[in-house]
């Protein structure tokens, strides 16, 4: 089970260091330039994510880490069942 949590952490870090921005206004600019390259109907979920998250004041990609990690750990705990004595 540890491998699943590790894979999430590794993947998140790999993605974060590859981003062409640090967050804030730069993230908004990158999102807008990407969205200009296609019709909104082509990728509605990407447009929704950019609009509801990336383009909001104070957005920081790294802030998503804890939320995702909690989901992974909760799912792994539920799959393992209750802790033993």
PDB file of N, CA and C in Angstrom:
ATOM      1  N   UNK A   1       0.806  -1.190   0.000  1.00  0.00           N
ATOM      2  CA  UNK A   1       0.000   0.000   0.000  1.00  0.00           C
ATOM      3  C   UNK A   1       0.860   1.270   0.000  1.00  0.00           C
ATOM      4  N   UNK A   2       2.010   1.194   0.600  1.00  0.00           N
ATOM      5  CA  UNK A   2       2.896   2.350   0.644  1.00  0.00           C
ATOM      6  C   UNK A   2       3.266   2.804  -0.756  1.00  0.00           C
ATOM      7  N   UNK A   3       3.399   1.858  -1.667  1.00  0.00           N
ATOM      8  CA  UNK A   3       3.776   2.193  -3.038  1.00  0.00           C
ATOM      9  C   UNK A   3       2.761   3.126  -3.692  1.00  0.00           C
ATOM     10  N   UNK A   4       1.483   2.966  -3.378  1.00  0.00           N
ATOM     11  CA  UNK A   4       0.455   3.825  -3.969  1.00  0.00           C
ATOM     12  C   UNK A   4       0.597   5.266  -3.479  1.00  0.00           C
ATOM     13  N   UNK A   5       0.812   5.431  -2.199  1.00  0.00           N
ATOM     14  CA  UNK A   5       1.000   6.775  -1.648  1.00  0.00           C
ATOM     15  C   UNK A   5       2.288   7.389  -2.194  1.00  0.00           C
ATOM     16  N   UNK A   6       3.335   6.595  -2.285  1.00  0.00           N
ATOM     17  CA  UNK A   6       4.610   7.085  -2.814  1.00  0.00           C
ATOM     18  C   UNK A   6       4.456   7.512  -4.272  1.00  0.00           C
ATOM     19  N   UNK A   7       3.728   6.727  -5.056  1.00  0.00           N
ATOM     20  CA  UNK A   7       3.522   7.059  -6.466  1.00  0.00           C
ATOM     21  C   UNK A   7       2.812   8.403  -6.603  1.00  0.00           C
ATOM     22  N   UNK A   8       1.844   8.658  -5.735  1.00  0.00           N
ATOM     23  CA  UNK A   8       1.148   9.951  -5.764  1.00  0.00           C
ATOM     24  C   UNK A   8       2.124  11.080  -5.448  1.00  0.00           C
ATOM     25  N   UNK A   9       2.895  10.926  -4.386  1.00  0.00           N
ATOM     26  CA  UNK A   9       3.851  11.961  -3.982  1.00  0.00           C
ATOM     27  C   UNK A   9       4.854  12.209  -5.100  1.00  0.00           C
ATOM     28  N   UNK A  10       5.420  11.156  -5.648  1.00  0.00           N
ATOM     29  CA  UNK A  10       6.417  11.282  -6.715  1.00  0.00           C
ATOM     30  C   UNK A  10       5.810  11.973  -7.934  1.00  0.00           C
ATOM     31  N   UNK A  11       4.630  11.541  -8.337  1.00  0.00           N
ATOM     32  CA  UNK A  11       3.974  12.132  -9.504  1.00  0.00           C
ATOM     33  C   UNK A  11       3.646  13.599  -9.303  1.00  0.00           C
ATOM     34  N   UNK A  12       3.203  13.954  -8.117  1.00  0.00           N
ATOM     35  CA  UNK A  12       2.868  15.345  -7.832  1.00  0.00           C
ATOM     36  C   UNK A  12       4.118  16.215  -7.903  1.00  0.00           C
ATOM     37  N   UNK A  13       5.176  15.760  -7.272  1.00  0.00           N
ATOM     38  CA  UNK A  13       6.424  16.527  -7.272  1.00  0.00           C
ATOM     39  C   UNK A  13       6.960  16.669  -8.689  1.00  0.00           C
ATOM     40  N   UNK A  14       6.931  15.598  -9.451  1.00  0.00           N
ATOM     41  CA  UNK A  14       7.409  15.643 -10.833  1.00  0.00           C
ATOM     42  C   UNK A  14       6.614  16.658 -11.644  1.00  0.00           C
ATOM     43  N   UNK A  15       5.317  16.661 -11.470  1.00  0.00           N
ATOM     44  CA  UNK A  15       4.471  17.615 -12.178  1.00  0.00           C
ATOM     45  C   UNK A  15       4.746  19.041 -11.704  1.00  0.00           C
ATOM     46  N   UNK A  16       4.873  19.231 -10.405  1.00  0.00           N
ATOM     47  CA  UNK A  16       5.075  20.576  -9.866  1.00  0.00           C
ATOM     48  C   UNK A  16       6.382  21.199 -10.352  1.00  0.00           C
ATOM     49  N   UNK A  17       7.456  20.443 -10.375  1.00  0.00           N
ATOM     50  CA  UNK A  17       8.735  21.011 -10.812  1.00  0.00           C
ATOM     51  C   UNK A  17       8.775  21.242 -12.316  1.00  0.00           C
ATOM     52  N   UNK A  18       7.856  20.637 -13.050  1.00  0.00           N
ATOM     53  CA  UNK A  18       7.804  20.805 -14.502  1.00  0.00           C
ATOM     54  C   UNK A  18       6.904  21.960 -14.941  1.00  0.00           C
ATOM     55  N   UNK A  19       6.155  22.543 -14.023  1.00  0.00           N
ATOM     56  CA  UNK A  19       5.238  23.621 -14.388  1.00  0.00           C
ATOM     57  C   UNK A  19       6.007  24.858 -14.844  1.00  0.00           C
ATOM     58  N   UNK A  20       5.472  25.553 -15.848  1.00  0.00           N
ATOM     59  CA  UNK A  20       6.154  26.753 -16.354  1.00  0.00           C
ATOM     60  C   UNK A  20       5.806  28.017 -15.567  1.00  0.00           C
ATOM     61  N   UNK A  21       5.403  27.875 -14.310  1.00  0.00           N
ATOM     62  CA  UNK A  21       5.054  29.025 -13.481  1.00  0.00           C
ATOM     63  C   UNK A  21       5.216  28.656 -12.015  1.00  0.00           C
ATOM     64  N   UNK A  22       5.268  29.686 -11.169  1.00  0.00           N
ATOM     65  CA  UNK A  22       5.387  29.483  -9.724  1.00  0.00           C
ATOM     66  C   UNK A  22       4.043  29.577  -9.022  1.00  0.00           C
ATOM     67  N   UNK A  23       3.050  30.063  -9.693  1.00  0.00           N
ATOM     68  CA  UNK A  23       1.728  30.253  -9.099  1.00  0.00           C
ATOM     69  C   UNK A  23       1.270  31.676  -9.285  1.00  0.00           C
ATOM     70  N   UNK A  24       0.143  32.002  -8.687  1.00  0.00           N
ATOM     71  CA  UNK A  24      -0.377  33.359  -8.742  1.00  0.00           C
ATOM     72  C   UNK A  24      -0.715  33.805 -10.147  1.00  0.00           C
ATOM     73  N   UNK A  25      -0.355  35.051 -10.457  1.00  0.00           N
ATOM     74  CA  UNK A  25      -0.693  35.638 -11.749  1.00  0.00           C
ATOM     75  C   UNK A  25      -0.055  34.887 -12.909  1.00  0.00           C
ATOM     76  N   UNK A  26       1.127  34.349 -12.706  1.00  0.00           N
ATOM     77  CA  UNK A  26       1.787  33.604 -13.776  1.00  0.00           C
ATOM     78  C   UNK A  26       0.969  32.380 -14.168  1.00  0.00           C
ATOM     79  N   UNK A  27       0.367  31.714 -13.199  1.00  0.00           N
ATOM     80  CA  UNK A  27      -0.468  30.546 -13.492  1.00  0.00           C
ATOM     81  C   UNK A  27      -1.676  30.952 -14.315  1.00  0.00           C
ATOM     82  N   UNK A  28      -2.264  32.083 -13.982  1.00  0.00           N
ATOM     83  CA  UNK A  28      -3.417  32.580 -14.730  1.00  0.00           C
ATOM     84  C   UNK A  28      -3.029  32.869 -16.168  1.00  0.00           C
ATOM     85  N   UNK A  29      -1.893  33.506 -16.362  1.00  0.00           N
ATOM     86  CA  UNK A  29      -1.430  33.833 -17.713  1.00  0.00           C
ATOM     87  C   UNK A  29      -1.181  32.575 -18.531  1.00  0.00           C
ATOM     88  N   UNK A  30      -0.546  31.583 -17.939  1.00  0.00           N
ATOM     89  CA  UNK A  30      -0.282  30.328 -18.644  1.00  0.00           C
ATOM     90  C   UNK A  30      -1.593  29.632 -18.986  1.00  0.00           C
ATOM     91  N   UNK A  31      -2.518  29.577 -18.039  1.00  0.00           N
ATOM     92  CA  UNK A  31      -3.814  28.933 -18.287  1.00  0.00           C
ATOM     93  C   UNK A  31      -4.553  29.629 -19.417  1.00  0.00           C
ATOM     94  N   UNK A  32      -4.546  30.947 -19.419  1.00  0.00           N
ATOM     95  CA  UNK A  32      -5.237  31.687 -20.471  1.00  0.00           C
ATOM     96  C   UNK A  32      -4.600  31.453 -21.828  1.00  0.00           C
ATOM     97  N   UNK A  33      -3.273  31.416 -21.885  1.00  0.00           N
ATOM     98  CA  UNK A  33      -2.615  31.185 -23.175  1.00  0.00           C
ATOM     99  C   UNK A  33      -2.885  29.775 -23.694  1.00  0.00           C
ATOM    100  N   UNK A  34      -2.968  28.807 -22.804  1.00  0.00           N
ATOM    101  CA  UNK A  34      -3.287  27.436 -23.217  1.00  0.00           C
ATOM    102  C   UNK A  34      -4.722  27.369 -23.722  1.00  0.00           C
ATOM    103  N   UNK A  35      -5.634  28.007 -23.000  1.00  0.00           N
ATOM    104  CA  UNK A  35      -7.047  27.954 -23.362  1.00  0.00           C
ATOM    105  C   UNK A  35      -7.332  28.670 -24.682  1.00  0.00           C
ATOM    106  N   UNK A  36      -6.489  29.626 -25.065  1.00  0.00           N
ATOM    107  CA  UNK A  36      -6.670  30.315 -26.341  1.00  0.00           C
ATOM    108  C   UNK A  36      -6.420  29.388 -27.521  1.00  0.00           C
ATOM    109  N   UNK A  37      -5.709  28.297 -27.283  1.00  0.00           N
ATOM    110  CA  UNK A  37      -5.330  27.393 -28.360  1.00  0.00           C
ATOM    111  C   UNK A  37      -6.395  26.395 -28.773  1.00  0.00           C
ATOM    112  N   UNK A  38      -7.534  26.379 -28.108  1.00  0.00           N
ATOM    113  CA  UNK A  38      -8.590  25.433 -28.462  1.00  0.00           C
ATOM    114  C   UNK A  38      -9.955  26.013 -28.121  1.00  0.00           C
ATOM    115  N   UNK A  39     -10.965  25.443 -28.734  1.00  0.00           N
ATOM    116  CA  UNK A  39     -12.337  25.863 -28.446  1.00  0.00           C
ATOM    117  C   UNK A  39     -12.744  25.331 -27.077  1.00  0.00           C
ATOM    118  N   UNK A  40     -13.475  26.137 -26.319  1.00  0.00           N
ATOM    119  CA  UNK A  40     -13.875  25.749 -24.962  1.00  0.00           C
ATOM    120  C   UNK A  40     -14.636  24.437 -24.944  1.00  0.00           C
ATOM    121  N   UNK A  41     -15.412  24.163 -25.963  1.00  0.00           N
ATOM    122  CA  UNK A  41     -16.186  22.927 -26.022  1.00  0.00           C
ATOM    123  C   UNK A  41     -15.335  21.688 -26.215  1.00  0.00           C
ATOM    124  N   UNK A  42     -14.092  21.862 -26.664  1.00  0.00           N
ATOM    125  CA  UNK A  42     -13.215  20.707 -26.889  1.00  0.00           C
ATOM    126  C   UNK A  42     -12.777  20.057 -25.581  1.00  0.00           C
ATOM    127  N   UNK A  43     -12.527  20.849 -24.570  1.00  0.00           N
ATOM    128  CA  UNK A  43     -12.028  20.355 -23.287  1.00  0.00           C
ATOM    129  C   UNK A  43     -12.787  21.023 -22.139  1.00  0.00           C
ATOM    130  N   UNK A  44     -14.061  20.715 -21.975  1.00  0.00           N
ATOM    131  CA  UNK A  44     -14.860  21.429 -20.968  1.00  0.00           C
ATOM    132  C   UNK A  44     -14.359  21.253 -19.535  1.00  0.00           C
ATOM    133  N   UNK A  45     -13.800  20.097 -19.218  1.00  0.00           N
ATOM    134  CA  UNK A  45     -13.319  19.880 -17.844  1.00  0.00           C
ATOM    135  C   UNK A  45     -12.051  20.687 -17.574  1.00  0.00           C
ATOM    136  N   UNK A  46     -11.206  20.822 -18.577  1.00  0.00           N
ATOM    137  CA  UNK A  46     -10.006  21.644 -18.432  1.00  0.00           C
ATOM    138  C   UNK A  46     -10.390  23.113 -18.248  1.00  0.00           C
ATOM    139  N   UNK A  47     -11.365  23.569 -19.031  1.00  0.00           N
ATOM    140  CA  UNK A  47     -11.839  24.948 -18.896  1.00  0.00           C
ATOM    141  C   UNK A  47     -12.445  25.164 -17.511  1.00  0.00           C
ATOM    142  N   UNK A  48     -13.221  24.199 -17.042  1.00  0.00           N
ATOM    143  CA  UNK A  48     -13.827  24.300 -15.709  1.00  0.00           C
ATOM    144  C   UNK A  48     -12.750  24.382 -14.629  1.00  0.00           C
ATOM    145  N   UNK A  49     -11.739  23.525 -14.726  1.00  0.00           N
ATOM    146  CA  UNK A  49     -10.653  23.537 -13.741  1.00  0.00           C
ATOM    147  C   UNK A  49      -9.914  24.874 -13.758  1.00  0.00           C
ATOM    148  N   UNK A  50      -9.579  25.344 -14.953  1.00  0.00           N
ATOM    149  CA  UNK A  50      -8.851  26.607 -15.055  1.00  0.00           C
ATOM    150  C   UNK A  50      -9.677  27.765 -14.515  1.00  0.00           C
ATOM    151  N   UNK A  51     -10.958  27.766 -14.823  1.00  0.00           N
ATOM    152  CA  UNK A  51     -11.831  28.855 -14.396  1.00  0.00           C
ATOM    153  C   UNK A  51     -12.082  28.838 -12.893  1.00  0.00           C
ATOM    154  N   UNK A  52     -12.358  27.667 -12.349  1.00  0.00           N
ATOM    155  CA  UNK A  52     -12.728  27.573 -10.937  1.00  0.00           C
ATOM    156  C   UNK A  52     -11.540  27.496  -9.982  1.00  0.00           C
ATOM    157  N   UNK A  53     -10.359  27.204 -10.517  1.00  0.00           N
ATOM    158  CA  UNK A  53      -9.204  27.048  -9.631  1.00  0.00           C
ATOM    159  C   UNK A  53      -8.037  27.940 -10.049  1.00  0.00           C
ATOM    160  N   UNK A  54      -7.446  27.647 -11.197  1.00  0.00           N
ATOM    161  CA  UNK A  54      -6.201  28.303 -11.595  1.00  0.00           C
ATOM    162  C   UNK A  54      -6.364  29.811 -11.732  1.00  0.00           C
ATOM    163  N   UNK A  55      -7.474  30.257 -12.268  1.00  0.00           N
ATOM    164  CA  UNK A  55      -7.664  31.682 -12.516  1.00  0.00           C
ATOM    165  C   UNK A  55      -8.194  32.441 -11.297  1.00  0.00           C
ATOM    166  N   UNK A  56      -8.294  31.792 -10.165  1.00  0.00           N
ATOM    167  CA  UNK A  56      -8.770  32.444  -8.943  1.00  0.00           C
ATOM    168  C   UNK A  56      -7.596  33.094  -8.205  1.00  0.00           C
ATOM    169  N   UNK A  57      -7.835  34.225  -7.560  1.00  0.00           N
ATOM    170  CA  UNK A  57      -6.767  34.888  -6.801  1.00  0.00           C
ATOM    171  C   UNK A  57      -6.191  33.955  -5.731  1.00  0.00           C
ATOM    172  N   UNK A  58      -4.884  33.957  -5.626  1.00  0.00           N
ATOM    173  CA  UNK A  58      -4.221  33.159  -4.602  1.00  0.00           C
ATOM    174  C   UNK A  58      -4.012  31.700  -4.955  1.00  0.00           C
ATOM    175  N   UNK A  59      -4.321  31.303  -6.204  1.00  0.00           N
ATOM    176  CA  UNK A  59      -4.138  29.901  -6.581  1.00  0.00           C
ATOM    177  C   UNK A  59      -2.666  29.520  -6.482  1.00  0.00           C
ATOM    178  N   UNK A  60      -2.421  28.368  -5.908  1.00  0.00           N
ATOM    179  CA  UNK A  60      -1.068  27.820  -5.828  1.00  0.00           C
ATOM    180  C   UNK A  60      -1.172  26.321  -6.054  1.00  0.00           C
ATOM    181  N   UNK A  61      -0.518  25.827  -7.092  1.00  0.00           N
ATOM    182  CA  UNK A  61      -0.612  24.417  -7.455  1.00  0.00           C
ATOM    183  C   UNK A  61      -0.267  23.511  -6.283  1.00  0.00           C
ATOM    184  N   UNK A  62       0.773  23.840  -5.548  1.00  0.00           N
ATOM    185  CA  UNK A  62       1.203  23.010  -4.424  1.00  0.00           C
ATOM    186  C   UNK A  62       0.150  22.862  -3.345  1.00  0.00           C
ATOM    187  N   UNK A  63      -0.783  23.795  -3.281  1.00  0.00           N
ATOM    188  CA  UNK A  63      -1.854  23.718  -2.302  1.00  0.00           C
ATOM    189  C   UNK A  63      -2.793  22.547  -2.535  1.00  0.00           C
ATOM    190  N   UNK A  64      -2.758  21.965  -3.712  1.00  0.00           N
ATOM    191  CA  UNK A  64      -3.609  20.823  -4.034  1.00  0.00           C
ATOM    192  C   UNK A  64      -3.044  19.517  -3.481  1.00  0.00           C
ATOM    193  N   UNK A  65      -1.786  19.536  -3.091  1.00  0.00           N
ATOM    194  CA  UNK A  65      -1.113  18.309  -2.666  1.00  0.00           C
ATOM    195  C   UNK A  65      -1.786  17.651  -1.466  1.00  0.00           C
ATOM    196  N   UNK A  66      -2.008  18.422  -0.415  1.00  0.00           N
ATOM    197  CA  UNK A  66      -2.557  17.849   0.817  1.00  0.00           C
ATOM    198  C   UNK A  66      -3.945  17.256   0.594  1.00  0.00           C
ATOM    199  N   UNK A  67      -4.768  17.931  -0.187  1.00  0.00           N
ATOM    200  CA  UNK A  67      -6.107  17.421  -0.481  1.00  0.00           C
ATOM    201  C   UNK A  67      -6.021  16.050  -1.152  1.00  0.00           C
ATOM    202  N   UNK A  68      -5.191  15.943  -2.174  1.00  0.00           N
ATOM    203  CA  UNK A  68      -5.045  14.671  -2.884  1.00  0.00           C
ATOM    204  C   UNK A  68      -4.436  13.586  -2.020  1.00  0.00           C
ATOM    205  N   UNK A  69      -3.451  13.944  -1.219  1.00  0.00           N
ATOM    206  CA  UNK A  69      -2.822  12.955  -0.346  1.00  0.00           C
ATOM    207  C   UNK A  69      -3.822  12.428   0.680  1.00  0.00           C
ATOM    208  N   UNK A  70      -4.639  13.309   1.223  1.00  0.00           N
ATOM    209  CA  UNK A  70      -5.676  12.865   2.167  1.00  0.00           C
ATOM    210  C   UNK A  70      -6.633  11.875   1.510  1.00  0.00           C
ATOM    211  N   UNK A  71      -7.016  12.136   0.269  1.00  0.00           N
ATOM    212  CA  UNK A  71      -7.896  11.201  -0.444  1.00  0.00           C
ATOM    213  C   UNK A  71      -7.244   9.833  -0.591  1.00  0.00           C
ATOM    214  N   UNK A  72      -5.982   9.833  -0.994  1.00  0.00           N
ATOM    215  CA  UNK A  72      -5.251   8.575  -1.180  1.00  0.00           C
ATOM    216  C   UNK A  72      -5.136   7.824   0.145  1.00  0.00           C
ATOM    217  N   UNK A  73      -4.701   8.507   1.192  1.00  0.00           N
ATOM    218  CA  UNK A  73      -4.505   7.841   2.483  1.00  0.00           C
ATOM    219  C   UNK A  73      -5.819   7.332   3.066  1.00  0.00           C
ATOM    220  N   UNK A  74      -6.890   8.108   2.927  1.00  0.00           N
ATOM    221  CA  UNK A  74      -8.199   7.653   3.417  1.00  0.00           C
ATOM    222  C   UNK A  74      -8.662   6.407   2.674  1.00  0.00           C
ATOM    223  N   UNK A  75      -8.469   6.386   1.369  1.00  0.00           N
ATOM    224  CA  UNK A  75      -8.873   5.223   0.575  1.00  0.00           C
ATOM    225  C   UNK A  75      -8.045   3.995   0.939  1.00  0.00           C
ATOM    226  N   UNK A  76      -6.750   4.188   1.148  1.00  0.00           N
ATOM    227  CA  UNK A  76      -5.901   3.063   1.538  1.00  0.00           C
ATOM    228  C   UNK A  76      -6.284   2.549   2.920  1.00  0.00           C
ATOM    229  N   UNK A  77      -6.584   3.446   3.842  1.00  0.00           N
ATOM    230  CA  UNK A  77      -6.993   3.034   5.187  1.00  0.00           C
ATOM    231  C   UNK A  77      -8.307   2.260   5.134  1.00  0.00           C
ATOM    232  N   UNK A  78      -9.250   2.725   4.325  1.00  0.00           N
ATOM    233  CA  UNK A  78     -10.537   2.031   4.201  1.00  0.00           C
ATOM    234  C   UNK A  78     -10.348   0.646   3.595  1.00  0.00           C
ATOM    235  N   UNK A  79      -9.433   0.533   2.677  1.00  0.00           N
ATOM    236  CA  UNK A  79      -9.184  -0.757   2.032  1.00  0.00           C
ATOM    237  C   UNK A  79      -8.516  -1.739   2.986  1.00  0.00           C
ATOM    238  N   UNK A  80      -7.674  -1.228   3.861  1.00  0.00           N
ATOM    239  CA  UNK A  80      -6.965  -2.083   4.819  1.00  0.00           C
ATOM    240  C   UNK A  80      -7.838  -2.515   5.985  1.00  0.00           C
ATOM    241  N   UNK A  81      -8.897  -1.781   6.252  1.00  0.00           N
ATOM    242  CA  UNK A  81      -9.750  -2.108   7.391  1.00  0.00           C
ATOM    243  C   UNK A  81      -9.234  -1.462   8.657  1.00  0.00           C
ATOM    244  N   UNK A  82      -9.897  -1.726   9.774  1.00  0.00           N
ATOM    245  CA  UNK A  82      -9.501  -1.103  11.042  1.00  0.00           C
ATOM    246  C   UNK A  82      -8.110  -1.560  11.482  1.00  0.00           C
ATOM    247  N   UNK A  83      -7.433  -0.651  12.175  1.00  0.00           N
ATOM    248  CA  UNK A  83      -6.096  -0.969  12.692  1.00  0.00           C
ATOM    249  C   UNK A  83      -6.195  -2.026  13.780  1.00  0.00           C
ATOM    250  N   UNK A  84      -5.199  -2.874  13.834  1.00  0.00           N
ATOM    251  CA  UNK A  84      -5.161  -3.932  14.847  1.00  0.00           C
ATOM    252  C   UNK A  84      -4.763  -3.401  16.207  1.00  0.00           C
ATOM    253  N   UNK A  85      -4.783  -4.282  17.221  1.00  0.00           N
ATOM    254  CA  UNK A  85      -4.448  -3.869  18.598  1.00  0.00           C
ATOM    255  C   UNK A  85      -3.000  -3.485  18.763  1.00  0.00           C
TER     256      UNK A  85
END
